[in-house]
Amino acid sequence: MSCAKCQNPLVLEVDYSDDEDVSMGAGSSSAAAAQNTQTVPDDVALNCGCHFHWQCLIDEYQVTECPSCHQNLLTPGPNGGQQLLCTLHNEGGVQENLDILPILTEEAYLHAYPEDRISRAFLELCREGDVSAVVDLLKSCNEPDSDDEEMDDEPAIPKKSMDEILRYQDPIGDMQSGLHAAVAGNSREVAWLLLLLASQLPEMEFPALVYQQAASLGIMREDQTGKVDIRSLRDGQGRSAEQLAVELGGVWHGWPGSGRLTV
């Protein structure tokens, strides 16, 4: 059986040479490469009966139909939405009835809008509550491109400013902002940081520890005049971050109504 796109066998050659410290003469290079290369399964079996390598499917995916036979791949999901089920056979084994629609939707979106990759990474860090990583990502917006990136044959991906990333809303993630993501992830530290950097919440409302932590990480509040207050952003369901906090409760007890999450 072969891939419907490239017609090659449904396997992937994996080179493990980087994992070993092998010192051999030039005459043994071919033998060493053969010893360090293993063949593993790489088969995505769709419900239409077509098979693809994972990367071949990513490259050709058209959201609703099979790239080969053009049959509709979507089926009703258990929660009223849609799903795209497949049988995935790879190095980790066989997974049946696996819904790959979220992954394919994200990959298709990022293929069309590669400049949003860093913004979506920012949202994930906000959701995880990784304050240091959030700061490092934001600070990287002001760093010049590396020489390697400038010499790349591929077109340069436009960089986004820190303000653009701070106020980014995810089109394929219910239009959540970083503040929504922090609230959903129960991360008050990230929420304080985002309020400091992208809201007009009066400085007197911030605990001194918030400013101390921001200073220690090398990032400070800029003038917010004329900028969108992150607290005013609403997700795909029309909810502000405060309304989401009310729904979730827990660590957000005492925040709703305080002005911290609402303009």
Protein backbone atom coordinates (compact mmCIF):
# COMPACT_ATOMS: atom_id res chain seq x y z
CA MET A 1 0.00 0.00 0.00
CA SER A 2 1.27 3.49 -0.84
CA CYS A 3 0.59 7.15 -0.09
CA ALA A 4 -2.18 8.66 -2.22
CA LYS A 5 -0.09 11.80 -2.80
CA CYS A 6 3.51 10.71 -3.40
CA GLN A 7 2.87 7.03 -4.23
CA ASN A 8 5.71 5.94 -1.93
CA PRO A 9 5.40 3.21 0.72
CA LEU A 10 3.73 4.27 3.97
CA VAL A 11 6.90 4.31 6.02
CA LEU A 12 9.35 6.92 7.22
CA GLU A 13 13.10 6.59 7.50
CA VAL A 14 14.38 7.97 10.82
CA ASP A 15 18.06 8.81 11.22
CA TYR A 16 19.31 8.16 14.75
CA SER A 17 22.95 9.00 14.00
CA ASP A 18 22.76 12.23 16.01
CA ASP A 19 21.92 10.17 19.09
CA GLU A 20 25.18 8.22 18.97
CA ASP A 21 28.81 9.26 19.22
CA VAL A 22 30.36 7.12 16.48
CA SER A 23 33.84 7.74 15.13
CA MET A 24 34.53 5.91 11.82
CA GLY A 25 36.62 6.36 8.74
CA ALA A 26 35.23 7.78 5.50
CA GLY A 27 35.02 4.30 3.96
CA SER A 28 32.56 3.22 6.66
CA SER A 29 30.18 6.21 6.32
CA SER A 30 27.61 4.37 4.18
CA ALA A 31 27.53 1.39 6.51
CA ALA A 32 27.22 3.65 9.55
CA ALA A 33 24.34 5.55 7.95
CA ALA A 34 22.55 2.31 7.17
CA GLN A 35 22.98 1.10 10.75
CA ASN A 36 21.68 4.35 12.22
CA THR A 37 18.61 4.61 9.96
CA GLN A 38 15.42 2.81 10.88
CA THR A 39 12.15 2.48 9.00
CA VAL A 40 8.98 3.19 11.00
CA PRO A 41 5.30 3.20 9.96
CA ASP A 42 3.83 6.50 8.72
CA ASP A 43 0.24 5.79 7.72
CA VAL A 44 -2.85 7.96 8.11
CA ALA A 45 -5.84 5.90 7.00
CA LEU A 46 -8.84 8.18 6.34
CA ASN A 47 -12.46 7.06 6.57
CA CYS A 48 -12.76 7.29 2.76
CA GLY A 49 -10.21 4.49 2.39
CA CYS A 50 -7.28 6.63 1.22
CA HIS A 51 -3.91 6.49 2.94
CA PHE A 52 -1.34 9.27 3.35
CA HIS A 53 1.96 9.99 4.99
CA TRP A 54 1.30 12.47 7.80
CA GLN A 55 3.26 15.29 6.15
CA CYS A 56 1.71 14.58 2.75
CA LEU A 57 -1.75 14.95 4.29
CA ILE A 58 -0.73 18.19 6.03
CA ASP A 59 0.59 19.58 2.74
CA GLU A 60 -2.59 18.73 0.78
CA TYR A 61 -5.38 19.06 3.36
CA GLN A 62 -8.44 21.04 2.22
CA VAL A 63 -10.45 21.11 5.50
CA THR A 64 -13.56 19.18 4.40
CA GLU A 65 -12.55 16.62 1.79
CA CYS A 66 -9.95 14.00 0.95
CA PRO A 67 -7.17 15.46 -1.22
CA SER A 68 -7.22 12.29 -3.35
CA CYS A 69 -10.81 11.09 -3.84
CA HIS A 70 -12.48 14.36 -2.74
CA GLN A 71 -14.95 12.56 -0.49
CA ASN A 72 -16.26 14.56 2.46
CA LEU A 73 -14.32 13.48 5.55
CA LEU A 74 -16.26 15.22 8.30
CA THR A 75 -18.71 13.34 10.51
CA PRO A 76 -20.88 14.50 13.45
CA GLY A 77 -18.99 14.60 16.75
CA PRO A 78 -20.30 13.47 20.15
CA ASN A 79 -20.74 17.08 21.35
CA GLY A 80 -22.65 18.36 18.33
CA GLY A 81 -19.58 19.56 16.44
CA GLN A 82 -17.69 17.91 13.63
CA GLN A 83 -14.81 15.46 13.66
CA LEU A 84 -12.42 13.83 11.22
CA LEU A 85 -11.65 10.29 12.29
CA CYS A 86 -8.73 8.23 11.06
CA THR A 87 -6.55 5.29 12.00
CA LEU A 88 -3.04 6.53 12.66
CA HIS A 89 -0.15 4.07 12.52
CA ASN A 90 3.23 5.51 13.37
CA GLU A 91 6.28 4.88 15.54
CA GLY A 92 4.11 5.00 18.65
CA GLY A 93 1.74 2.25 17.50
CA VAL A 94 -1.81 2.22 16.14
CA GLN A 95 -4.52 4.69 17.21
CA GLU A 96 -8.03 4.03 15.93
CA ASN A 97 -10.89 6.54 15.66
CA LEU A 98 -8.50 9.42 16.27
CA ASP A 99 -9.98 12.88 15.63
CA ILE A 100 -7.32 14.86 13.77
CA LEU A 101 -9.57 17.76 12.72
CA PRO A 102 -8.15 20.23 15.31
CA ILE A 103 -4.56 19.53 14.23
CA LEU A 104 -5.32 19.72 10.52
CA THR A 105 -7.33 22.92 10.95
CA GLU A 106 -4.45 24.53 12.83
CA GLU A 107 -1.85 23.41 10.29
CA ALA A 108 -3.97 24.62 7.36
CA TYR A 109 -4.42 28.00 9.06
CA LEU A 110 -0.72 28.38 9.85
CA HIS A 111 0.17 27.41 6.30
CA ALA A 112 -1.96 30.31 5.08
CA TYR A 113 -0.91 32.70 7.85
CA PRO A 114 2.60 31.69 9.02
CA GLU A 115 3.03 35.07 10.72
CA ASP A 116 0.44 34.00 13.33
CA ARG A 117 2.52 31.06 14.55
CA ILE A 118 4.28 33.11 17.24
CA SER A 119 0.98 34.68 18.32
CA ARG A 120 -0.62 31.29 18.84
CA ALA A 121 2.48 30.14 20.74
CA PHE A 122 2.00 33.21 22.96
CA LEU A 123 -1.58 32.16 23.75
CA GLU A 124 -0.44 28.66 24.67
CA LEU A 125 2.19 30.04 27.06
CA CYS A 126 -0.48 32.27 28.65
CA ARG A 127 -2.69 29.22 29.08
CA GLU A 128 0.17 27.27 30.67
CA GLY A 129 1.01 30.13 33.03
CA ASP A 130 4.68 30.31 32.03
CA VAL A 131 5.45 33.95 32.89
CA SER A 132 9.15 33.84 32.02
CA ALA A 133 8.48 32.26 28.62
CA VAL A 134 5.76 34.83 27.89
CA VAL A 135 8.20 37.65 28.64
CA ASP A 136 10.97 36.09 26.55
CA LEU A 137 8.60 35.73 23.59
CA LEU A 138 7.43 39.34 23.86
CA LYS A 139 10.98 40.67 24.16
CA SER A 140 11.98 38.71 21.05
CA CYS A 141 9.62 40.93 19.04
CA ASN A 142 12.14 43.76 19.39
CA GLU A 143 15.15 41.67 18.41
CA PRO A 144 16.55 41.87 14.85
CA ASP A 145 16.28 38.85 12.59
CA SER A 146 19.23 36.49 12.71
CA ASP A 147 21.63 36.23 9.80
CA ASP A 148 20.43 32.65 9.19
CA GLU A 149 16.86 33.86 8.70
CA GLU A 150 17.96 36.62 6.35
CA MET A 151 19.92 34.17 4.18
CA ASP A 152 17.06 31.67 3.95
CA ASP A 153 15.79 31.11 0.40
CA GLU A 154 12.19 31.16 1.61
CA PRO A 155 10.34 34.49 1.86
CA ALA A 156 10.78 36.16 5.23
CA ILE A 157 7.78 35.83 7.55
CA PRO A 158 6.63 39.28 8.71
CA LYS A 159 7.32 39.85 12.39
CA LYS A 160 4.60 41.12 14.67
CA SER A 161 5.12 43.85 17.21
CA MET A 162 4.73 43.25 20.92
CA ASP A 163 1.50 45.26 20.93
CA GLU A 164 0.07 43.09 18.13
CA ILE A 165 0.87 39.88 19.97
CA LEU A 166 -0.46 41.16 23.28
CA ARG A 167 -3.81 41.94 21.64
CA TYR A 168 -3.95 38.95 19.29
CA GLN A 169 -7.21 36.99 19.13
CA ASP A 170 -7.15 33.44 17.81
CA PRO A 171 -9.46 33.01 14.76
CA ILE A 172 -9.49 29.21 15.11
CA GLY A 173 -9.53 29.21 18.91
CA ASP A 174 -12.84 30.92 19.70
CA MET A 175 -11.23 34.37 19.30
CA GLN A 176 -9.54 34.06 22.67
CA SER A 177 -7.01 36.71 23.69
CA GLY A 178 -4.02 36.14 25.91
CA LEU A 179 -6.06 37.36 28.88
CA HIS A 180 -8.82 34.85 28.10
CA ALA A 181 -6.15 32.13 27.86
CA ALA A 182 -4.62 33.12 31.21
CA VAL A 183 -8.06 33.10 32.85
CA ALA A 184 -8.88 29.71 31.32
CA GLY A 185 -5.54 28.37 32.59
CA ASN A 186 -6.06 29.76 36.12
CA SER A 187 -2.84 31.77 35.85
CA ARG A 188 -3.12 34.94 37.89
CA GLU A 189 0.59 35.75 37.42
CA VAL A 190 0.20 35.89 33.63
CA ALA A 191 -3.06 37.83 34.00
CA TRP A 192 -1.31 40.47 36.12
CA LEU A 193 1.51 40.69 33.58
CA LEU A 194 -0.91 41.17 30.66
CA LEU A 195 -2.86 43.80 32.57
CA LEU A 196 0.40 45.62 33.25
CA LEU A 197 1.49 45.54 29.61
CA ALA A 198 -1.78 45.89 27.70
CA SER A 199 -4.44 47.57 29.82
CA GLN A 200 -5.19 50.98 31.28
CA LEU A 201 -5.77 49.60 34.78
CA PRO A 202 -4.45 52.32 37.14
CA GLU A 203 -0.99 51.64 38.49
CA MET A 204 -2.21 51.91 42.07
CA GLU A 205 -4.29 48.74 41.51
CA PHE A 206 -1.18 46.59 40.95
CA PRO A 207 0.55 44.86 43.86
CA ALA A 208 4.16 45.99 44.24
CA LEU A 209 5.24 42.39 43.61
CA VAL A 210 3.89 42.58 40.05
CA TYR A 211 6.15 45.53 39.23
CA GLN A 212 9.10 43.88 40.95
CA GLN A 213 8.65 40.68 38.98
CA ALA A 214 8.28 42.56 35.68
CA ALA A 215 11.43 44.57 36.40
CA SER A 216 13.38 41.43 37.27
CA LEU A 217 12.34 39.92 33.92
CA GLY A 218 13.40 43.05 32.04
CA ILE A 219 10.03 44.28 30.83
CA MET A 220 8.06 47.38 31.83
CA ARG A 221 4.78 49.12 31.13
CA GLU A 222 4.63 51.48 28.15
CA ASP A 223 2.27 54.39 27.58
CA GLN A 224 -1.17 52.89 26.82
CA THR A 225 -2.71 56.05 25.35
CA GLY A 226 -4.70 55.24 22.22
CA LYS A 227 -4.13 51.49 22.51
CA VAL A 228 -6.85 48.86 22.82
CA ASP A 229 -7.33 47.82 26.43
CA ILE A 230 -6.96 44.04 26.52
CA ARG A 231 -9.83 43.85 29.02
CA SER A 232 -12.26 45.01 26.31
CA LEU A 233 -11.56 42.07 23.97
CA ARG A 234 -14.31 39.47 23.64
CA ASP A 235 -14.09 35.87 22.55
CA GLY A 236 -16.21 34.12 19.93
CA GLN A 237 -19.06 33.76 22.42
CA GLY A 238 -19.06 37.47 23.20
CA ARG A 239 -17.46 37.02 26.62
CA SER A 240 -14.94 39.36 28.16
CA ALA A 241 -12.14 37.86 30.28
CA GLU A 242 -14.12 38.92 33.36
CA GLN A 243 -17.24 37.06 32.22
CA LEU A 244 -15.11 33.97 31.65
CA ALA A 245 -13.64 34.36 35.15
CA VAL A 246 -17.16 34.51 36.60
CA GLU A 247 -18.02 31.25 34.87
CA LEU A 248 -14.86 29.52 36.05
CA GLY A 249 -14.70 30.85 39.62
CA GLY A 250 -11.94 29.26 41.70
CA VAL A 251 -8.77 31.36 41.78
CA TRP A 252 -10.69 34.29 40.27
CA HIS A 253 -12.79 34.80 43.40
CA GLY A 254 -12.73 38.52 44.20
CA TRP A 255 -11.57 39.61 40.75
CA PRO A 256 -14.95 40.18 39.02
CA GLY A 257 -16.29 43.61 39.89
CA SER A 258 -12.89 44.85 41.06
CA GLY A 259 -12.04 46.51 37.72
CA ARG A 260 -9.07 44.25 37.15
CA LEU A 261 -10.70 42.33 34.30
CA THR A 262 -13.19 44.89 33.00
CA VAL A 263 -12.86 48.38 31.56
